Amino acid sequence: MASIDIAEIKEEKDKPWEQALKAEGERILKQAGANFVLLDEKGIMMGSEEFARWLEKAPEWRFVLGGPYGVSPEVKKLARARLSLSKMTLPHELVRVMFLEQLFRALTILKGKGYHHQ
């Protein structure tokens, strides 16, 4: 169905948060490359079926989720798109689970499986 790789960028804990975001951002950009989507509360919102059709338009997507302090302005600037799961601020650990479920749901929609119900 799909191949999913999860890469974690180590959180900077011994620096002021502005410096930590910058250092984390540099590592994110190295890992993510040029074609990535940022999971961001200020991003576009879409339903599950719309998300599935959106995924279908590109052969490969990379999704970036920031840590407790978000991501650097540079990461925000270079993201190909921003996607929101909610307008509310959510813990990044919860967003990871929610996003993986929506990704699974979108893939089952595209394959015509019975997981998603309207």
PDB file of N, CA and C in Angstrom:
ATOM      1  N   MET A   1       0.828  -1.181   0.000  1.00  0.00           N
ATOM      2  CA  MET A   1       0.000   0.000   0.000  1.00  0.00           C
ATOM      3  C   MET A   1       0.869   1.240   0.000  1.00  0.00           C
ATOM      4  N   ALA A   2       1.714   1.411   1.006  1.00  0.00           N
ATOM      5  CA  ALA A   2       2.577   2.589   1.088  1.00  0.00           C
ATOM      6  C   ALA A   2       3.747   2.277   2.002  1.00  0.00           C
ATOM      7  N   SER A   3       4.807   2.996   1.781  1.00  0.00           N
ATOM      8  CA  SER A   3       5.976   2.880   2.633  1.00  0.00           C
ATOM      9  C   SER A   3       6.062   4.144   3.480  1.00  0.00           C
ATOM     10  N   ILE A   4       6.211   3.972   4.781  1.00  0.00           N
ATOM     11  CA  ILE A   4       6.290   5.116   5.679  1.00  0.00           C
ATOM     12  C   ILE A   4       7.566   4.996   6.496  1.00  0.00           C
ATOM     13  N   ASP A   5       8.367   6.038   6.441  1.00  0.00           N
ATOM     14  CA  ASP A   5       9.562   6.123   7.264  1.00  0.00           C
ATOM     15  C   ASP A   5       9.386   7.303   8.203  1.00  0.00           C
ATOM     16  N   ILE A   6       9.723   7.103   9.452  1.00  0.00           N
ATOM     17  CA  ILE A   6       9.643   8.191  10.431  1.00  0.00           C
ATOM     18  C   ILE A   6      11.060   8.505  10.880  1.00  0.00           C
ATOM     19  N   ALA A   7      11.448   9.750  10.696  1.00  0.00           N
ATOM     20  CA  ALA A   7      12.766  10.198  11.135  1.00  0.00           C
ATOM     21  C   ALA A   7      12.558  11.225  12.234  1.00  0.00           C
ATOM     22  N   GLU A   8      13.220  11.037  13.337  1.00  0.00           N
ATOM     23  CA  GLU A   8      13.093  11.982  14.446  1.00  0.00           C
ATOM     24  C   GLU A   8      14.354  12.829  14.537  1.00  0.00           C
ATOM     25  N   ILE A   9      14.146  14.108  14.717  1.00  0.00           N
ATOM     26  CA  ILE A   9      15.250  15.045  14.907  1.00  0.00           C
ATOM     27  C   ILE A   9      15.381  15.287  16.404  1.00  0.00           C
ATOM     28  N   LYS A  10      16.567  15.093  16.918  1.00  0.00           N
ATOM     29  CA  LYS A  10      16.776  15.254  18.356  1.00  0.00           C
ATOM     30  C   LYS A  10      16.484  16.686  18.790  1.00  0.00           C
ATOM     31  N   GLU A  11      15.721  16.797  19.860  1.00  0.00           N
ATOM     32  CA  GLU A  11      15.373  18.097  20.426  1.00  0.00           C
ATOM     33  C   GLU A  11      16.584  18.714  21.114  1.00  0.00           C
ATOM     34  N   GLU A  12      16.765  20.007  20.908  1.00  0.00           N
ATOM     35  CA  GLU A  12      17.824  20.759  21.579  1.00  0.00           C
ATOM     36  C   GLU A  12      17.305  21.181  22.951  1.00  0.00           C
ATOM     37  N   LYS A  13      17.894  20.660  24.005  1.00  0.00           N
ATOM     38  CA  LYS A  13      17.375  20.946  25.345  1.00  0.00           C
ATOM     39  C   LYS A  13      18.243  21.919  26.140  1.00  0.00           C
ATOM     40  N   ASP A  14      19.473  22.116  25.720  1.00  0.00           N
ATOM     41  CA  ASP A  14      20.394  22.921  26.523  1.00  0.00           C
ATOM     42  C   ASP A  14      20.639  24.308  25.941  1.00  0.00           C
ATOM     43  N   LYS A  15      19.709  24.788  25.112  1.00  0.00           N
ATOM     44  CA  LYS A  15      19.866  26.096  24.494  1.00  0.00           C
ATOM     45  C   LYS A  15      18.594  26.898  24.713  1.00  0.00           C
ATOM     46  N   PRO A  16      18.700  28.234  24.655  1.00  0.00           N
ATOM     47  CA  PRO A  16      17.468  29.032  24.655  1.00  0.00           C
ATOM     48  C   PRO A  16      16.605  28.621  23.470  1.00  0.00           C
ATOM     49  N   TRP A  17      15.283  28.743  23.596  1.00  0.00           N
ATOM     50  CA  TRP A  17      14.391  28.176  22.587  1.00  0.00           C
ATOM     51  C   TRP A  17      14.612  28.742  21.188  1.00  0.00           C
ATOM     52  N   GLU A  18      15.007  30.017  21.047  1.00  0.00           N
ATOM     53  CA  GLU A  18      15.253  30.579  19.714  1.00  0.00           C
ATOM     54  C   GLU A  18      16.428  29.875  19.036  1.00  0.00           C
ATOM     55  N   GLN A  19      17.494  29.650  19.805  1.00  0.00           N
ATOM     56  CA  GLN A  19      18.657  28.939  19.269  1.00  0.00           C
ATOM     57  C   GLN A  19      18.336  27.472  19.009  1.00  0.00           C
ATOM     58  N   ALA A  20      17.525  26.891  19.882  1.00  0.00           N
ATOM     59  CA  ALA A  20      17.137  25.491  19.710  1.00  0.00           C
ATOM     60  C   ALA A  20      16.340  25.320  18.417  1.00  0.00           C
ATOM     61  N   LEU A  21      15.384  26.219  18.171  1.00  0.00           N
ATOM     62  CA  LEU A  21      14.586  26.134  16.939  1.00  0.00           C
ATOM     63  C   LEU A  21      15.461  26.264  15.703  1.00  0.00           C
ATOM     64  N   LYS A  22      16.428  27.150  15.753  1.00  0.00           N
ATOM     65  CA  LYS A  22      17.325  27.350  14.605  1.00  0.00           C
ATOM     66  C   LYS A  22      18.130  26.073  14.339  1.00  0.00           C
ATOM     67  N   ALA A  23      18.729  25.511  15.383  1.00  0.00           N
ATOM     68  CA  ALA A  23      19.532  24.296  15.231  1.00  0.00           C
ATOM     69  C   ALA A  23      18.674  23.120  14.766  1.00  0.00           C
ATOM     70  N   GLU A  24      17.495  22.958  15.373  1.00  0.00           N
ATOM     71  CA  GLU A  24      16.587  21.885  14.959  1.00  0.00           C
ATOM     72  C   GLU A  24      16.152  22.104  13.512  1.00  0.00           C
ATOM     73  N   GLY A  25      15.860  23.362  13.162  1.00  0.00           N
ATOM     74  CA  GLY A  25      15.420  23.689  11.812  1.00  0.00           C
ATOM     75  C   GLY A  25      16.448  23.319  10.762  1.00  0.00           C
ATOM     76  N   GLU A  26      17.708  23.568  11.046  1.00  0.00           N
ATOM     77  CA  GLU A  26      18.771  23.205  10.106  1.00  0.00           C
ATOM     78  C   GLU A  26      18.796  21.699   9.882  1.00  0.00           C
ATOM     79  N   ARG A  27      18.632  20.937  10.947  1.00  0.00           N
ATOM     80  CA  ARG A  27      18.626  19.470  10.812  1.00  0.00           C
ATOM     81  C   ARG A  27      17.364  18.984  10.096  1.00  0.00           C
ATOM     82  N   ILE A  28      16.232  19.639  10.363  1.00  0.00           N
ATOM     83  CA  ILE A  28      14.988  19.272   9.677  1.00  0.00           C
ATOM     84  C   ILE A  28      15.152  19.478   8.180  1.00  0.00           C
ATOM     85  N   LEU A  29      15.686  20.621   7.784  1.00  0.00           N
ATOM     86  CA  LEU A  29      15.832  20.920   6.358  1.00  0.00           C
ATOM     87  C   LEU A  29      16.790  19.954   5.672  1.00  0.00           C
ATOM     88  N   LYS A  30      17.847  19.541   6.356  1.00  0.00           N
ATOM     89  CA  LYS A  30      18.756  18.531   5.797  1.00  0.00           C
ATOM     90  C   LYS A  30      18.029  17.214   5.569  1.00  0.00           C
ATOM     91  N   GLN A  31      17.233  16.814   6.547  1.00  0.00           N
ATOM     92  CA  GLN A  31      16.525  15.534   6.498  1.00  0.00           C
ATOM     93  C   GLN A  31      15.355  15.562   5.513  1.00  0.00           C
ATOM     94  N   ALA A  32      14.590  16.637   5.516  1.00  0.00           N
ATOM     95  CA  ALA A  32      13.358  16.698   4.725  1.00  0.00           C
ATOM     96  C   ALA A  32      13.604  16.990   3.256  1.00  0.00           C
ATOM     97  N   GLY A  33      14.669  17.668   2.940  1.00  0.00           N
ATOM     98  CA  GLY A  33      14.909  18.037   1.553  1.00  0.00           C
ATOM     99  C   GLY A  33      14.021  19.196   1.137  1.00  0.00           C
ATOM    100  N   ALA A  34      13.796  19.313  -0.167  1.00  0.00           N
ATOM    101  CA  ALA A  34      13.088  20.479  -0.707  1.00  0.00           C
ATOM    102  C   ALA A  34      11.575  20.305  -0.784  1.00  0.00           C
ATOM    103  N   ASN A  35      11.100  19.092  -0.775  1.00  0.00           N
ATOM    104  CA  ASN A  35       9.672  18.847  -0.998  1.00  0.00           C
ATOM    105  C   ASN A  35       9.033  18.309   0.277  1.00  0.00           C
ATOM    106  N   PHE A  36       8.620  19.226   1.159  1.00  0.00           N
ATOM    107  CA  PHE A  36       7.992  18.757   2.395  1.00  0.00           C
ATOM    108  C   PHE A  36       6.784  19.610   2.738  1.00  0.00           C
ATOM    109  N   VAL A  37       5.888  18.997   3.498  1.00  0.00           N
ATOM    110  CA  VAL A  37       4.672  19.652   3.976  1.00  0.00           C
ATOM    111  C   VAL A  37       4.816  19.796   5.479  1.00  0.00           C
ATOM    112  N   LEU A  38       4.537  20.987   5.973  1.00  0.00           N
ATOM    113  CA  LEU A  38       4.633  21.251   7.404  1.00  0.00           C
ATOM    114  C   LEU A  38       3.272  21.068   8.054  1.00  0.00           C
ATOM    115  N   LEU A  39       3.209  20.262   9.093  1.00  0.00           N
ATOM    116  CA  LEU A  39       1.990  20.150   9.887  1.00  0.00           C
ATOM    117  C   LEU A  39       1.987  21.342  10.836  1.00  0.00           C
ATOM    118  N   ASP A  40       1.010  22.223  10.664  1.00  0.00           N
ATOM    119  CA  ASP A  40       1.015  23.515  11.342  1.00  0.00           C
ATOM    120  C   ASP A  40      -0.416  23.959  11.614  1.00  0.00           C
ATOM    121  N   GLU A  41      -0.693  24.409  12.818  1.00  0.00           N
ATOM    122  CA  GLU A  41      -2.058  24.826  13.174  1.00  0.00           C
ATOM    123  C   GLU A  41      -2.568  25.961  12.295  1.00  0.00           C
ATOM    124  N   LYS A  42      -1.684  26.694  11.631  1.00  0.00           N
ATOM    125  CA  LYS A  42      -2.103  27.790  10.758  1.00  0.00           C
ATOM    126  C   LYS A  42      -2.189  27.355   9.294  1.00  0.00           C
ATOM    127  N   GLY A  43      -2.048  26.070   9.044  1.00  0.00           N
ATOM    128  CA  GLY A  43      -2.103  25.550   7.680  1.00  0.00           C
ATOM    129  C   GLY A  43      -3.520  25.379   7.176  1.00  0.00           C
ATOM    130  N   ILE A  44      -3.630  24.839   5.966  1.00  0.00           N
ATOM    131  CA  ILE A  44      -4.948  24.591   5.381  1.00  0.00           C
ATOM    132  C   ILE A  44      -5.584  23.387   6.070  1.00  0.00           C
ATOM    133  N   MET A  45      -6.892  23.436   6.169  1.00  0.00           N
ATOM    134  CA  MET A  45      -7.633  22.323   6.766  1.00  0.00           C
ATOM    135  C   MET A  45      -8.439  21.651   5.663  1.00  0.00           C
ATOM    136  N   MET A  46      -8.535  20.339   5.735  1.00  0.00           N
ATOM    137  CA  MET A  46      -9.338  19.602   4.766  1.00  0.00           C
ATOM    138  C   MET A  46      -9.889  18.345   5.412  1.00  0.00           C
ATOM    139  N   GLY A  47     -10.960  17.846   4.830  1.00  0.00           N
ATOM    140  CA  GLY A  47     -11.547  16.602   5.301  1.00  0.00           C
ATOM    141  C   GLY A  47     -10.727  15.403   4.841  1.00  0.00           C
ATOM    142  N   SER A  48     -11.062  14.233   5.331  1.00  0.00           N
ATOM    143  CA  SER A  48     -10.314  13.013   5.020  1.00  0.00           C
ATOM    144  C   SER A  48     -10.313  12.686   3.531  1.00  0.00           C
ATOM    145  N   GLU A  49     -11.458  12.801   2.888  1.00  0.00           N
ATOM    146  CA  GLU A  49     -11.520  12.485   1.458  1.00  0.00           C
ATOM    147  C   GLU A  49     -10.738  13.504   0.629  1.00  0.00           C
ATOM    148  N   GLU A  50     -10.840  14.762   1.003  1.00  0.00           N
ATOM    149  CA  GLU A  50     -10.074  15.801   0.316  1.00  0.00           C
ATOM    150  C   GLU A  50      -8.574  15.566   0.511  1.00  0.00           C
ATOM    151  N   PHE A  51      -8.172  15.184   1.717  1.00  0.00           N
ATOM    152  CA  PHE A  51      -6.772  14.886   1.995  1.00  0.00           C
ATOM    153  C   PHE A  51      -6.297  13.714   1.136  1.00  0.00           C
ATOM    154  N   ALA A  52      -7.123  12.696   1.004  1.00  0.00           N
ATOM    155  CA  ALA A  52      -6.764  11.544   0.173  1.00  0.00           C
ATOM    156  C   ALA A  52      -6.509  11.972  -1.271  1.00  0.00           C
ATOM    157  N   ARG A  53      -7.375  12.772  -1.832  1.00  0.00           N
ATOM    158  CA  ARG A  53      -7.211  13.243  -3.221  1.00  0.00           C
ATOM    159  C   ARG A  53      -5.967  14.120  -3.345  1.00  0.00           C
ATOM    160  N   TRP A  54      -5.694  14.898  -2.319  1.00  0.00           N
ATOM    161  CA  TRP A  54      -4.512  15.762  -2.302  1.00  0.00           C
ATOM    162  C   TRP A  54      -3.240  14.912  -2.306  1.00  0.00           C
ATOM    163  N   LEU A  55      -3.234  13.839  -1.496  1.00  0.00           N
ATOM    164  CA  LEU A  55      -2.082  12.932  -1.453  1.00  0.00           C
ATOM    165  C   LEU A  55      -1.842  12.259  -2.796  1.00  0.00           C
ATOM    166  N   GLU A  56      -2.918  11.975  -3.477  1.00  0.00           N
ATOM    167  CA  GLU A  56      -2.863  11.255  -4.738  1.00  0.00           C
ATOM    168  C   GLU A  56      -2.110  12.037  -5.822  1.00  0.00           C
ATOM    169  N   LYS A  57      -2.011  13.336  -5.665  1.00  0.00           N
ATOM    170  CA  LYS A  57      -1.435  14.189  -6.707  1.00  0.00           C
ATOM    171  C   LYS A  57       0.084  14.144  -6.788  1.00  0.00           C
ATOM    172  N   ALA A  58       0.743  13.562  -5.820  1.00  0.00           N
ATOM    173  CA  ALA A  58       2.207  13.515  -5.846  1.00  0.00           C
ATOM    174  C   ALA A  58       2.690  12.122  -5.463  1.00  0.00           C
ATOM    175  N   PRO A  59       3.737  11.653  -6.098  1.00  0.00           N
ATOM    176  CA  PRO A  59       4.222  10.301  -5.811  1.00  0.00           C
ATOM    177  C   PRO A  59       4.862  10.153  -4.432  1.00  0.00           C
ATOM    178  N   GLU A  60       5.391  11.229  -3.898  1.00  0.00           N
ATOM    179  CA  GLU A  60       6.067  11.131  -2.601  1.00  0.00           C
ATOM    180  C   GLU A  60       5.879  12.423  -1.823  1.00  0.00           C
ATOM    181  N   TRP A  61       5.518  12.264  -0.566  1.00  0.00           N
ATOM    182  CA  TRP A  61       5.382  13.414   0.321  1.00  0.00           C
ATOM    183  C   TRP A  61       6.254  13.199   1.537  1.00  0.00           C
ATOM    184  N   ARG A  62       6.775  14.282   2.055  1.00  0.00           N
ATOM    185  CA  ARG A  62       7.466  14.266   3.342  1.00  0.00           C
ATOM    186  C   ARG A  62       6.724  15.253   4.227  1.00  0.00           C
ATOM    187  N   PHE A  63       6.410  14.820   5.415  1.00  0.00           N
ATOM    188  CA  PHE A  63       5.672  15.656   6.357  1.00  0.00           C
ATOM    189  C   PHE A  63       6.575  15.977   7.535  1.00  0.00           C
ATOM    190  N   VAL A  64       6.539  17.222   7.964  1.00  0.00           N
ATOM    191  CA  VAL A  64       7.361  17.683   9.075  1.00  0.00           C
ATOM    192  C   VAL A  64       6.444  18.138  10.197  1.00  0.00           C
ATOM    193  N   LEU A  65       6.729  17.646  11.378  1.00  0.00           N
ATOM    194  CA  LEU A  65       6.009  18.031  12.594  1.00  0.00           C
ATOM    195  C   LEU A  65       7.042  18.555  13.580  1.00  0.00           C
ATOM    196  N   GLY A  66       6.836  19.758  14.048  1.00  0.00           N
ATOM    197  CA  GLY A  66       7.766  20.360  14.993  1.00  0.00           C
ATOM    198  C   GLY A  66       7.614  19.795  16.391  1.00  0.00           C
ATOM    199  N   GLY A  67       8.525  20.192  17.238  1.00  0.00           N
ATOM    200  CA  GLY A  67       8.510  19.762  18.628  1.00  0.00           C
ATOM    201  C   GLY A  67       7.679  20.700  19.489  1.00  0.00           C
ATOM    202  N   PRO A  68       7.934  20.720  20.778  1.00  0.00           N
ATOM    203  CA  PRO A  68       7.133  21.513  21.706  1.00  0.00           C
ATOM    204  C   PRO A  68       7.134  23.013  21.410  1.00  0.00           C
ATOM    205  N   TYR A  69       8.193  23.517  20.781  1.00  0.00           N
ATOM    206  CA  TYR A  69       8.269  24.943  20.468  1.00  0.00           C
ATOM    207  C   TYR A  69       8.019  25.229  18.991  1.00  0.00           C
ATOM    208  N   GLY A  70       7.567  24.232  18.256  1.00  0.00           N
ATOM    209  CA  GLY A  70       7.282  24.434  16.842  1.00  0.00           C
ATOM    210  C   GLY A  70       8.514  24.257  15.984  1.00  0.00           C
ATOM    211  N   VAL A  71       8.590  25.037  14.891  1.00  0.00           N
ATOM    212  CA  VAL A  71       9.727  24.971  13.982  1.00  0.00           C
ATOM    213  C   VAL A  71      10.239  26.386  13.713  1.00  0.00           C
ATOM    214  N   SER A  72      11.412  26.458  13.168  1.00  0.00           N
ATOM    215  CA  SER A  72      12.034  27.750  12.883  1.00  0.00           C
ATOM    216  C   SER A  72      11.304  28.470  11.749  1.00  0.00           C
ATOM    217  N   PRO A  73      11.437  29.785  11.694  1.00  0.00           N
ATOM    218  CA  PRO A  73      10.843  30.540  10.580  1.00  0.00           C
ATOM    219  C   PRO A  73      11.337  30.046   9.220  1.00  0.00           C
ATOM    220  N   GLU A  74      12.580  29.601   9.151  1.00  0.00           N
ATOM    221  CA  GLU A  74      13.132  29.103   7.887  1.00  0.00           C
ATOM    222  C   GLU A  74      12.395  27.843   7.421  1.00  0.00           C
ATOM    223  N   VAL A  75      12.088  26.947   8.336  1.00  0.00           N
ATOM    224  CA  VAL A  75      11.330  25.737   7.985  1.00  0.00           C
ATOM    225  C   VAL A  75       9.942  26.140   7.489  1.00  0.00           C
ATOM    226  N   LYS A  76       9.301  27.071   8.189  1.00  0.00           N
ATOM    227  CA  LYS A  76       7.975  27.541   7.756  1.00  0.00           C
ATOM    228  C   LYS A  76       8.040  28.148   6.362  1.00  0.00           C
ATOM    229  N   LYS A  77       9.078  28.923   6.115  1.00  0.00           N
ATOM    230  CA  LYS A  77       9.216  29.608   4.832  1.00  0.00           C
ATOM    231  C   LYS A  77       9.434  28.625   3.673  1.00  0.00           C
ATOM    232  N   LEU A  78      10.183  27.569   3.915  1.00  0.00           N
ATOM    233  CA  LEU A  78      10.554  26.646   2.842  1.00  0.00           C
ATOM    234  C   LEU A  78       9.565  25.497   2.632  1.00  0.00           C
ATOM    235  N   ALA A  79       8.584  25.368   3.507  1.00  0.00           N
ATOM    236  CA  ALA A  79       7.591  24.292   3.351  1.00  0.00           C
ATOM    237  C   ALA A  79       6.832  24.487   2.042  1.00  0.00           C
ATOM    238  N   ARG A  80       6.622  23.401   1.332  1.00  0.00           N
ATOM    239  CA  ARG A  80       5.864  23.449   0.072  1.00  0.00           C
ATOM    240  C   ARG A  80       4.394  23.758   0.342  1.00  0.00           C
ATOM    241  N   ALA A  81       3.914  23.303   1.490  1.00  0.00           N
ATOM    242  CA  ALA A  81       2.533  23.567   1.921  1.00  0.00           C
ATOM    243  C   ALA A  81       2.487  23.417   3.432  1.00  0.00           C
ATOM    244  N   ARG A  82       1.419  23.951   4.020  1.00  0.00           N
ATOM    245  CA  ARG A  82       1.172  23.786   5.447  1.00  0.00           C
ATOM    246  C   ARG A  82      -0.193  23.144   5.602  1.00  0.00           C
ATOM    247  N   LEU A  83      -0.250  22.128   6.429  1.00  0.00           N
ATOM    248  CA  LEU A  83      -1.468  21.370   6.637  1.00  0.00           C
ATOM    249  C   LEU A  83      -1.823  21.397   8.119  1.00  0.00           C
ATOM    250  N   SER A  84      -3.080  21.678   8.428  1.00  0.00           N
ATOM    251  CA  SER A  84      -3.529  21.741   9.810  1.00  0.00           C
ATOM    252  C   SER A  84      -4.509  20.612  10.109  1.00  0.00           C
ATOM    253  N   LEU A  85      -4.348  19.990  11.270  1.00  0.00           N
ATOM    254  CA  LEU A  85      -5.317  19.001  11.734  1.00  0.00           C
ATOM    255  C   LEU A  85      -6.356  19.653  12.625  1.00  0.00           C
ATOM    256  N   SER A  86      -6.042  20.841  13.145  1.00  0.00           N
ATOM    257  CA  SER A  86      -6.954  21.554  14.030  1.00  0.00           C
ATOM    258  C   SER A  86      -6.460  22.985  14.183  1.00  0.00           C
ATOM    259  N   LYS A  87      -7.367  23.896  14.435  1.00  0.00           N
ATOM    260  CA  LYS A  87      -6.955  25.262  14.737  1.00  0.00           C
ATOM    261  C   LYS A  87      -6.458  25.376  16.174  1.00  0.00           C
ATOM    262  N   MET A  88      -6.738  24.365  16.967  1.00  0.00           N
ATOM    263  CA  MET A  88      -6.275  24.345  18.357  1.00  0.00           C
ATOM    264  C   MET A  88      -4.804  23.949  18.394  1.00  0.00           C
ATOM    265  N   THR A  89      -4.107  24.419  19.404  1.00  0.00           N
ATOM    266  CA  THR A  89      -2.735  23.981  19.629  1.00  0.00           C
ATOM    267  C   THR A  89      -2.795  22.622  20.316  1.00  0.00           C
ATOM    268  N   LEU A  90      -2.115  21.646  19.723  1.00  0.00           N
ATOM    269  CA  LEU A  90      -2.128  20.285  20.257  1.00  0.00           C
ATOM    270  C   LEU A  90      -0.704  19.836  20.552  1.00  0.00           C
ATOM    271  N   PRO A  91      -0.516  18.948  21.525  1.00  0.00           N
ATOM    272  CA  PRO A  91       0.820  18.417  21.784  1.00  0.00           C
ATOM    273  C   PRO A  91       1.329  17.655  20.562  1.00  0.00           C
ATOM    274  N   HIS A  92       2.604  17.822  20.260  1.00  0.00           N
ATOM    275  CA  HIS A  92       3.143  17.181  19.056  1.00  0.00           C
ATOM    276  C   HIS A  92       3.039  15.657  19.099  1.00  0.00           C
ATOM    277  N   GLU A  93       3.085  15.062  20.296  1.00  0.00           N
ATOM    278  CA  GLU A  93       2.934  13.608  20.396  1.00  0.00           C
ATOM    279  C   GLU A  93       1.538  13.166  19.947  1.00  0.00           C
ATOM    280  N   LEU A  94       0.520  13.947  20.309  1.00  0.00           N
ATOM    281  CA  LEU A  94      -0.852  13.636  19.910  1.00  0.00           C
ATOM    282  C   LEU A  94      -1.044  13.862  18.413  1.00  0.00           C
ATOM    283  N   VAL A  95      -0.467  14.930  17.890  1.00  0.00           N
ATOM    284  CA  VAL A  95      -0.583  15.220  16.457  1.00  0.00           C
ATOM    285  C   VAL A  95       0.022  14.085  15.642  1.00  0.00           C
ATOM    286  N   ARG A  96       1.114  13.518  16.110  1.00  0.00           N
ATOM    287  CA  ARG A  96       1.740  12.415  15.370  1.00  0.00           C
ATOM    288  C   ARG A  96       0.752  11.256  15.216  1.00  0.00           C
ATOM    289  N   VAL A  97       0.100  10.873  16.291  1.00  0.00           N
ATOM    290  CA  VAL A  97      -0.857   9.768  16.243  1.00  0.00           C
ATOM    291  C   VAL A  97      -2.049  10.132  15.361  1.00  0.00           C
ATOM    292  N   MET A  98      -2.570  11.347  15.537  1.00  0.00           N
ATOM    293  CA  MET A  98      -3.722  11.783  14.737  1.00  0.00           C
ATOM    294  C   MET A  98      -3.372  11.825  13.248  1.00  0.00           C
ATOM    295  N   PHE A  99      -2.190  12.330  12.933  1.00  0.00           N
ATOM    296  CA  PHE A  99      -1.797  12.422  11.531  1.00  0.00           C
ATOM    297  C   PHE A  99      -1.606  11.038  10.913  1.00  0.00           C
ATOM    298  N   LEU A 100      -0.956  10.133  11.639  1.00  0.00           N
ATOM    299  CA  LEU A 100      -0.763   8.780  11.105  1.00  0.00           C
ATOM    300  C   LEU A 100      -2.103   8.082  10.856  1.00  0.00           C
ATOM    301  N   GLU A 101      -3.079   8.326  11.747  1.00  0.00           N
ATOM    302  CA  GLU A 101      -4.407   7.746  11.519  1.00  0.00           C
ATOM    303  C   GLU A 101      -5.034   8.341  10.271  1.00  0.00           C
ATOM    304  N   GLN A 102      -4.921   9.644  10.082  1.00  0.00           N
ATOM    305  CA  GLN A 102      -5.496  10.278   8.889  1.00  0.00           C
ATOM    306  C   GLN A 102      -4.772   9.843   7.622  1.00  0.00           C
ATOM    307  N   LEU A 103      -3.489   9.624   7.719  1.00  0.00           N
ATOM    308  CA  LEU A 103      -2.731   9.114   6.579  1.00  0.00           C
ATOM    309  C   LEU A 103      -3.214   7.710   6.210  1.00  0.00           C
ATOM    310  N   PHE A 104      -3.376   6.854   7.222  1.00  0.00           N
ATOM    311  CA  PHE A 104      -3.914   5.515   6.990  1.00  0.00           C
ATOM    312  C   PHE A 104      -5.309   5.598   6.367  1.00  0.00           C
ATOM    313  N   ARG A 105      -6.149   6.455   6.908  1.00  0.00           N
ATOM    314  CA  ARG A 105      -7.508   6.631   6.405  1.00  0.00           C
ATOM    315  C   ARG A 105      -7.483   7.076   4.940  1.00  0.00           C
ATOM    316  N   ALA A 106      -6.642   8.048   4.627  1.00  0.00           N
ATOM    317  CA  ALA A 106      -6.549   8.544   3.250  1.00  0.00           C
ATOM    318  C   ALA A 106      -6.112   7.437   2.295  1.00  0.00           C
ATOM    319  N   LEU A 107      -5.152   6.645   2.707  1.00  0.00           N
ATOM    320  CA  LEU A 107      -4.681   5.559   1.841  1.00  0.00           C
ATOM    321  C   LEU A 107      -5.763   4.500   1.635  1.00  0.00           C
ATOM    322  N   THR A 108      -6.556   4.216   2.668  1.00  0.00           N
ATOM    323  CA  THR A 108      -7.644   3.251   2.487  1.00  0.00           C
ATOM    324  C   THR A 108      -8.738   3.826   1.591  1.00  0.00           C
ATOM    325  N   ILE A 109      -8.971   5.120   1.659  1.00  0.00           N
ATOM    326  CA  ILE A 109      -9.938   5.761   0.751  1.00  0.00           C
ATOM    327  C   ILE A 109      -9.465   5.591  -0.683  1.00  0.00           C
ATOM    328  N   LEU A 110      -8.194   5.852  -0.934  1.00  0.00           N
ATOM    329  CA  LEU A 110      -7.659   5.745  -2.289  1.00  0.00           C
ATOM    330  C   LEU A 110      -7.692   4.309  -2.814  1.00  0.00           C
ATOM    331  N   LYS A 111      -7.556   3.344  -1.919  1.00  0.00           N
ATOM    332  CA  LYS A 111      -7.587   1.929  -2.314  1.00  0.00           C
ATOM    333  C   LYS A 111      -8.995   1.350  -2.326  1.00  0.00           C
ATOM    334  N   GLY A 112      -9.982   2.150  -1.909  1.00  0.00           N
ATOM    335  CA  GLY A 112     -11.364   1.668  -1.904  1.00  0.00           C
ATOM    336  C   GLY A 112     -11.670   0.677  -0.799  1.00  0.00           C
ATOM    337  N   LYS A 113     -10.887   0.710   0.266  1.00  0.00           N
ATOM    338  CA  LYS A 113     -11.124  -0.187   1.400  1.00  0.00           C
ATOM    339  C   LYS A 113     -12.256   0.379   2.265  1.00  0.00           C
ATOM    340  N   GLY A 114     -12.829  -0.428   3.138  1.00  0.00           N
ATOM    341  CA  GLY A 114     -13.999  -0.028   3.905  1.00  0.00           C
ATOM    342  C   GLY A 114     -13.743   0.649   5.238  1.00  0.00           C
ATOM    343  N   TYR A 115     -12.551   1.099   5.497  1.00  0.00           N
ATOM    344  CA  TYR A 115     -12.235   1.713   6.791  1.00  0.00           C
ATOM    345  C   TYR A 115     -12.988   3.043   7.001  1.00  0.00           C
ATOM    346  N   HIS A 116     -13.019   3.874   5.996  1.00  0.00           N
ATOM    347  CA  HIS A 116     -13.639   5.200   6.113  1.00  0.00           C
ATOM    348  C   HIS A 116     -15.139   5.117   5.830  1.00  0.00           C
ATOM    349  N   HIS A 117     -15.927   5.729   6.695  1.00  0.00           N
ATOM    350  CA  HIS A 117     -17.376   5.787   6.503  1.00  0.00           C
ATOM    351  C   HIS A 117     -17.790   7.260   6.469  1.00  0.00           C
ATOM    352  N   GLN A 118     -18.701   7.570   5.593  1.00  0.00           N
ATOM    353  CA  GLN A 118     -19.147   8.975   5.486  1.00  0.00           C
ATOM    354  C   GLN A 118     -20.166   9.292   6.539  1.00  0.00           C
TER     355      GLN A 118
END
